[in-house]
């Protein structure tokens, strides 16, 4: 019987007991244990073949002598002791793809909010002002998605019925993608010059930090809207504020910011053409369901002759 330890740190404030229940449903023959304290985590780790959750520290790893698989509950894995896991020959997997549907819906909603100018409608409602205002149409627009991983691809899929032209920008354009065009990051400005709605869905790396700067805002048409669901530092915040204030771009929907959390006195809160949400696009009530699907599939691969692990990290 495989022993699975669920670490105590939940995701998006959801209790890990709910995650354990999802795993029990998918792995009826496994022993699913949930730790409630750091001490209990270390104790239960002693005979756990699988550990899953937000993070794993070296003290716990030293106790987990039977560990074969660590199922990270996040898409990122930079916080993990990867060298130690590699030395132990532990399979490490991520939650990549879990966020795709909900973040894609957030992006489409943000785009439509600017297309139909819902924030302006809300402001007029607060003033009880019945006065028409101009809006836009999404059909016929060009949407550029920077990053064509699980999230970027899900965005493109959900835009397919809106009659838009899509441009994908990725580090390796030879891999193709679901967009009408695929360009490399070296051709980013060629895409920006034709962009009505710019969606950022890339990880934060040395290459992507500050990717959207003053020069990028100069290249974008003044009617363009930025939607950032990547990481705050992908956009130069000072350059963004300048672009919004000077109408170099029409607006920005920001689910991530730099700094984050955004300080209460930051100017971005006050700009009418900035729509800020508190890194909320990743929330979904189905998170644990999707994560449990991935982990259960990988548990089933542990004793396979030629295992094919979902979202395996190359250590």
Protein backbone atom coordinates (compact mmCIF):
# COMPACT_ATOMS: atom_id res chain seq x y z
CA UNK A 1 0.00 0.00 0.00
CA UNK A 2 1.44 3.36 -1.07
CA UNK A 3 1.65 5.97 1.71
CA UNK A 4 0.96 9.56 0.63
CA UNK A 5 1.68 12.50 2.95
CA UNK A 6 -0.23 15.74 2.35
CA UNK A 7 1.68 18.71 3.76
CA UNK A 8 -0.21 21.17 5.94
CA UNK A 9 0.17 24.34 3.84
CA UNK A 10 -2.93 24.74 1.69
CA UNK A 11 -3.40 26.61 -1.57
CA UNK A 12 -5.37 29.87 -1.82
CA UNK A 13 -6.57 29.42 1.77
CA UNK A 14 -8.33 26.13 1.00
CA UNK A 15 -7.99 23.41 3.67
CA UNK A 16 -5.67 20.54 2.81
CA UNK A 17 -8.30 18.12 4.12
CA UNK A 18 -10.24 18.83 0.93
CA UNK A 19 -7.14 17.94 -1.12
CA UNK A 20 -6.72 14.71 0.87
CA UNK A 21 -10.33 13.79 0.15
CA UNK A 22 -9.75 14.24 -3.58
CA UNK A 23 -6.68 12.00 -3.40
CA UNK A 24 -8.58 9.32 -1.46
CA UNK A 25 -11.24 9.27 -4.15
CA UNK A 26 -8.61 8.72 -6.86
CA UNK A 27 -6.29 6.44 -4.88
CA UNK A 28 -8.61 4.15 -2.86
CA UNK A 29 -5.82 1.63 -2.25
CA UNK A 30 -3.35 4.19 -0.89
CA UNK A 31 -2.89 5.38 2.67
CA UNK A 32 -3.49 9.16 2.64
CA UNK A 33 -2.16 11.02 5.67
CA UNK A 34 -2.51 14.72 6.52
CA UNK A 35 -0.07 16.55 8.77
CA UNK A 36 -1.30 19.36 11.02
CA UNK A 37 1.97 20.53 12.61
CA UNK A 38 5.63 20.73 11.50
CA UNK A 39 6.53 17.99 13.98
CA UNK A 40 3.77 15.74 12.64
CA UNK A 41 4.97 16.37 9.08
CA UNK A 42 8.44 15.10 9.99
CA UNK A 43 7.03 12.10 11.83
CA UNK A 44 4.67 11.06 9.04
CA UNK A 45 7.36 11.64 6.40
CA UNK A 46 9.37 8.69 7.74
CA UNK A 47 7.45 6.06 5.77
CA UNK A 48 5.88 8.20 3.03
CA UNK A 49 6.65 7.16 -0.51
CA UNK A 50 4.82 10.21 -1.87
CA UNK A 51 4.78 13.72 -0.40
CA UNK A 52 2.63 16.43 -1.90
CA UNK A 53 1.99 20.04 -1.03
CA UNK A 54 3.33 23.55 -1.16
CA UNK A 55 6.93 23.06 -0.10
CA UNK A 56 9.36 20.60 1.40
CA UNK A 57 12.27 21.53 3.67
CA UNK A 58 15.54 19.70 4.17
CA UNK A 59 14.65 18.58 7.70
CA UNK A 60 11.57 16.82 6.38
CA UNK A 61 13.49 15.46 3.41
CA UNK A 62 16.11 13.94 5.74
CA UNK A 63 13.33 12.03 7.53
CA UNK A 64 11.59 10.87 4.34
CA UNK A 65 13.84 7.92 3.62
CA UNK A 66 11.20 6.09 1.54
CA UNK A 67 10.36 9.13 -0.64
CA UNK A 68 10.00 8.37 -4.35
CA UNK A 69 7.74 11.19 -5.59
CA UNK A 70 7.20 14.80 -4.56
CA UNK A 71 4.09 16.33 -6.11
CA UNK A 72 4.43 20.10 -5.79
CA UNK A 73 1.10 21.89 -5.47
CA UNK A 74 2.36 24.90 -7.45
CA UNK A 75 3.45 25.29 -11.05
CA UNK A 76 6.73 26.82 -9.92
CA UNK A 77 9.42 24.79 -8.21
CA UNK A 78 12.28 27.23 -7.63
CA UNK A 79 11.65 27.16 -3.85
CA UNK A 80 12.36 23.42 -3.60
CA UNK A 81 15.71 21.88 -2.53
CA UNK A 82 16.21 20.48 -6.01
CA UNK A 83 19.83 19.37 -5.51
CA UNK A 84 18.89 17.30 -2.47
CA UNK A 85 15.91 15.79 -4.28
CA UNK A 86 18.11 14.93 -7.27
CA UNK A 87 20.69 13.25 -5.01
CA UNK A 88 17.92 11.08 -3.61
CA UNK A 89 16.64 10.30 -7.12
CA UNK A 90 13.18 11.59 -6.16
CA UNK A 91 10.75 12.29 -8.99
CA UNK A 92 9.53 15.90 -8.74
CA UNK A 93 6.36 17.01 -10.51
CA UNK A 94 4.45 20.30 -10.61
CA UNK A 95 0.89 21.53 -10.84
CA UNK A 96 1.42 23.08 -14.27
CA UNK A 97 -1.86 23.41 -16.15
CA UNK A 98 -4.06 23.50 -13.05
CA UNK A 99 -4.49 27.27 -13.41
CA UNK A 100 -5.19 27.29 -17.15
CA UNK A 101 -9.02 27.40 -17.26
CA UNK A 102 -9.60 29.95 -14.50
CA UNK A 103 -6.79 32.35 -15.44
CA UNK A 104 -7.91 32.20 -19.07
CA UNK A 105 -11.43 33.16 -18.00
CA UNK A 106 -9.98 36.03 -15.97
CA UNK A 107 -8.09 37.27 -19.03
CA UNK A 108 -11.14 37.12 -21.29
CA UNK A 109 -13.18 38.91 -18.63
CA UNK A 110 -10.57 41.65 -18.32
CA UNK A 111 -10.45 42.13 -22.08
CA UNK A 112 -14.24 42.34 -22.30
CA UNK A 113 -14.29 44.80 -19.42
CA UNK A 114 -12.20 47.19 -21.52
CA UNK A 115 -14.03 46.37 -24.75
CA UNK A 116 -17.44 47.25 -23.28
CA UNK A 117 -15.97 49.69 -20.73
CA UNK A 118 -17.62 48.09 -17.70
CA UNK A 119 -15.49 50.10 -15.21
CA UNK A 120 -16.88 53.31 -16.70
CA UNK A 121 -20.38 51.89 -16.45
CA UNK A 122 -19.74 51.06 -12.79
CA UNK A 123 -18.49 54.59 -12.09
CA UNK A 124 -21.64 56.06 -13.65
CA UNK A 125 -23.79 53.67 -11.66
CA UNK A 126 -22.18 54.92 -8.45
CA UNK A 127 -23.09 58.46 -9.52
CA UNK A 128 -26.59 57.32 -10.62
CA UNK A 129 -25.82 58.90 -13.94
CA UNK A 130 -27.86 57.72 -16.95
CA UNK A 131 -25.64 58.99 -19.75
CA UNK A 132 -24.36 56.97 -22.70
CA UNK A 133 -20.65 56.40 -23.31
CA UNK A 134 -18.74 54.95 -26.24
CA UNK A 135 -17.65 51.30 -26.22
CA UNK A 136 -15.69 48.99 -28.51
CA UNK A 137 -16.02 45.63 -30.27
CA UNK A 138 -13.62 42.75 -29.82
CA UNK A 139 -14.29 41.11 -33.20
CA UNK A 140 -11.63 42.02 -35.74
CA UNK A 141 -9.07 42.91 -33.06
CA UNK A 142 -5.57 41.49 -32.76
CA UNK A 143 -4.71 39.81 -29.46
CA UNK A 144 -1.06 39.08 -28.77
CA UNK A 145 -0.32 36.44 -26.13
CA UNK A 146 3.25 36.40 -24.82
CA UNK A 147 3.85 32.90 -23.48
CA UNK A 148 2.14 29.86 -24.97
CA UNK A 149 2.28 27.45 -22.06
CA UNK A 150 -0.81 25.99 -20.43
CA UNK A 151 -2.20 29.40 -19.49
CA UNK A 152 -1.45 31.20 -22.75
CA UNK A 153 -2.84 28.31 -24.77
CA UNK A 154 -6.02 28.27 -22.66
CA UNK A 155 -6.46 32.01 -23.31
CA UNK A 156 -6.16 31.48 -27.07
CA UNK A 157 -8.65 28.60 -26.94
CA UNK A 158 -11.25 30.75 -25.18
CA UNK A 159 -10.77 33.60 -27.62
CA UNK A 160 -11.44 31.35 -30.61
CA UNK A 161 -15.12 32.26 -30.81
CA UNK A 162 -14.65 36.03 -30.71
CA UNK A 163 -13.45 36.55 -34.27
CA UNK A 164 -10.03 37.89 -33.29
CA UNK A 165 -6.62 37.47 -34.91
CA UNK A 166 -4.09 35.98 -32.47
CA UNK A 167 -0.33 36.34 -32.37
CA UNK A 168 1.71 34.13 -30.07
CA UNK A 169 5.16 35.16 -28.85
CA UNK A 170 7.38 32.51 -27.30
CA UNK A 171 11.06 31.81 -26.67
CA UNK A 172 11.07 28.88 -29.14
CA UNK A 173 8.77 29.82 -32.04
CA UNK A 174 9.72 26.65 -33.91
CA UNK A 175 7.52 24.77 -31.46
CA UNK A 176 4.48 26.45 -32.99
CA UNK A 177 1.32 27.08 -31.07
CA UNK A 178 -2.46 27.54 -31.21
CA UNK A 179 -2.31 31.15 -32.42
CA UNK A 180 -2.75 32.37 -35.99
CA UNK A 181 0.90 33.44 -35.97
CA UNK A 182 3.83 32.46 -33.77
CA UNK A 183 6.83 34.76 -33.37
CA UNK A 184 9.99 34.60 -31.31
CA UNK A 185 10.77 37.02 -28.50
CA UNK A 186 13.24 38.76 -30.82
CA UNK A 187 10.24 39.75 -32.94
CA UNK A 188 8.17 41.00 -30.00
CA UNK A 189 8.01 44.58 -31.26
CA UNK A 190 6.77 43.42 -34.65
CA UNK A 191 3.82 41.91 -32.82
CA UNK A 192 3.31 44.87 -30.48
CA UNK A 193 2.95 47.29 -33.38
CA UNK A 194 -0.17 45.38 -34.51
CA UNK A 195 -1.62 44.63 -31.08
CA UNK A 196 -4.97 45.76 -29.70
CA UNK A 197 -4.88 43.57 -26.57
CA UNK A 198 -1.59 42.36 -25.11
CA UNK A 199 -1.75 39.36 -22.73
CA UNK A 200 1.31 38.46 -20.66
CA UNK A 201 1.44 34.81 -19.55
CA UNK A 202 5.17 34.13 -19.26
CA UNK A 203 7.20 33.00 -16.24
CA UNK A 204 9.53 35.54 -14.64
CA UNK A 205 13.07 34.92 -15.88
CA UNK A 206 16.13 37.03 -16.60
CA UNK A 207 14.86 37.25 -20.18
CA UNK A 208 11.32 38.35 -19.33
CA UNK A 209 12.04 40.74 -16.43
CA UNK A 210 11.27 44.26 -17.67
CA UNK A 211 10.16 42.85 -21.03
CA UNK A 212 7.42 45.47 -21.37
CA UNK A 213 9.20 48.77 -20.89
CA UNK A 214 9.03 52.33 -22.23
CA UNK A 215 10.12 51.21 -25.70
CA UNK A 216 7.41 48.55 -25.76
CA UNK A 217 4.76 51.10 -24.73
CA UNK A 218 5.99 53.40 -27.49
CA UNK A 219 5.58 50.56 -29.99
CA UNK A 220 2.06 49.63 -28.90
CA UNK A 221 -0.78 51.60 -30.50
CA UNK A 222 -2.37 54.19 -28.16
CA UNK A 223 -5.60 52.15 -28.31
CA UNK A 224 -3.91 49.02 -26.92
CA UNK A 225 -4.77 47.40 -23.58
CA UNK A 226 -2.32 45.41 -21.46
CA UNK A 227 -3.47 42.37 -19.45
CA UNK A 228 -0.84 40.98 -17.08
CA UNK A 229 -1.43 37.59 -15.41
CA UNK A 230 2.27 36.65 -15.49
CA UNK A 231 4.40 38.30 -12.80
CA UNK A 232 4.61 41.98 -11.89
CA UNK A 233 8.30 42.51 -12.81
CA UNK A 234 7.64 41.41 -16.41
CA UNK A 235 6.38 45.00 -16.77
CA UNK A 236 8.43 48.04 -15.78
CA UNK A 237 6.02 49.70 -13.34
CA UNK A 238 7.32 53.26 -13.74
CA UNK A 239 7.11 52.99 -17.52
CA UNK A 240 3.60 51.54 -17.22
CA UNK A 241 2.43 54.44 -15.04
CA UNK A 242 3.91 56.93 -17.51
CA UNK A 243 2.19 55.19 -20.42
CA UNK A 244 -1.19 55.14 -18.65
CA UNK A 245 -0.95 58.77 -17.56
CA UNK A 246 0.09 60.00 -21.01
CA UNK A 247 -2.44 57.78 -22.86
CA UNK A 248 0.33 55.95 -24.71
CA UNK A 249 -1.94 52.95 -24.06
CA UNK A 250 -5.67 52.86 -23.42
CA UNK A 251 -5.52 50.86 -20.25
CA UNK A 252 -4.13 47.97 -18.23
CA UNK A 253 -5.70 45.07 -16.32
CA UNK A 254 -3.20 44.01 -13.68
CA UNK A 255 -3.63 40.86 -11.61
CA UNK A 256 0.05 41.07 -10.66
CA UNK A 257 2.12 44.12 -9.82
CA UNK A 258 5.61 45.22 -8.93
CA UNK A 259 5.76 45.73 -5.98
CA UNK A 260 3.31 43.12 -4.73
CA UNK A 261 1.20 43.50 -2.71
CA UNK A 262 0.59 46.92 -4.19
CA UNK A 263 1.01 49.53 -1.39
CA UNK A 264 -2.19 51.45 -0.50
CA UNK A 265 -0.61 54.74 -1.55
CA UNK A 266 0.59 53.53 -4.96
CA UNK A 267 -0.53 55.64 -7.91
CA UNK A 268 -1.86 52.60 -9.83
CA UNK A 269 -4.83 52.47 -7.44
CA UNK A 270 -5.88 55.95 -8.53
CA UNK A 271 -5.69 55.72 -12.33
CA UNK A 272 -9.08 55.28 -14.01
CA UNK A 273 -7.52 53.36 -16.91
CA UNK A 274 -5.91 50.79 -14.57
CA UNK A 275 -7.95 47.81 -13.36
CA UNK A 276 -6.17 46.11 -10.44
CA UNK A 277 -7.02 42.76 -8.86
CA UNK A 278 -5.01 41.23 -5.95
CA UNK A 279 -3.32 38.31 -7.74
CA UNK A 280 -6.70 36.61 -7.77
CA UNK A 281 -6.85 35.05 -11.23
CA UNK A 282 -5.31 31.82 -9.95
CA UNK A 283 -8.14 31.10 -7.55
CA UNK A 284 -10.51 28.30 -8.52
CA UNK A 285 -12.67 25.94 -6.44
CA UNK A 286 -11.46 23.13 -8.71
CA UNK A 287 -7.77 23.54 -7.88
CA UNK A 288 -7.51 20.45 -5.68
CA UNK A 289 -9.51 18.36 -8.14
CA UNK A 290 -7.08 19.12 -10.96
CA UNK A 291 -4.02 18.76 -8.74
CA UNK A 292 -5.24 15.40 -7.44
CA UNK A 293 -5.69 14.20 -11.04
CA UNK A 294 -2.02 14.95 -11.73
CA UNK A 295 -0.66 13.43 -8.52
CA UNK A 296 -2.83 10.31 -8.75
CA UNK A 297 -1.72 9.74 -12.34
CA UNK A 298 1.92 10.02 -11.27
CA UNK A 299 1.47 7.69 -8.30
CA UNK A 300 0.17 5.14 -10.78
CA UNK A 301 3.38 5.53 -12.80
CA UNK A 302 5.77 4.79 -9.95
CA UNK A 303 5.99 1.06 -10.63
CA UNK A 304 5.50 1.22 -14.40
CA UNK A 305 8.18 -0.40 -16.53
CA UNK A 306 8.54 2.78 -18.60
CA UNK A 307 6.97 5.50 -16.45
CA UNK A 308 5.67 8.67 -18.04
CA UNK A 309 5.21 11.23 -15.29
CA UNK A 310 2.97 14.26 -15.86
CA UNK A 311 4.76 17.61 -15.36
CA UNK A 312 8.06 15.99 -14.35
CA UNK A 313 10.84 18.45 -13.52
CA UNK A 314 14.16 17.74 -15.24
CA UNK A 315 16.54 17.70 -12.28
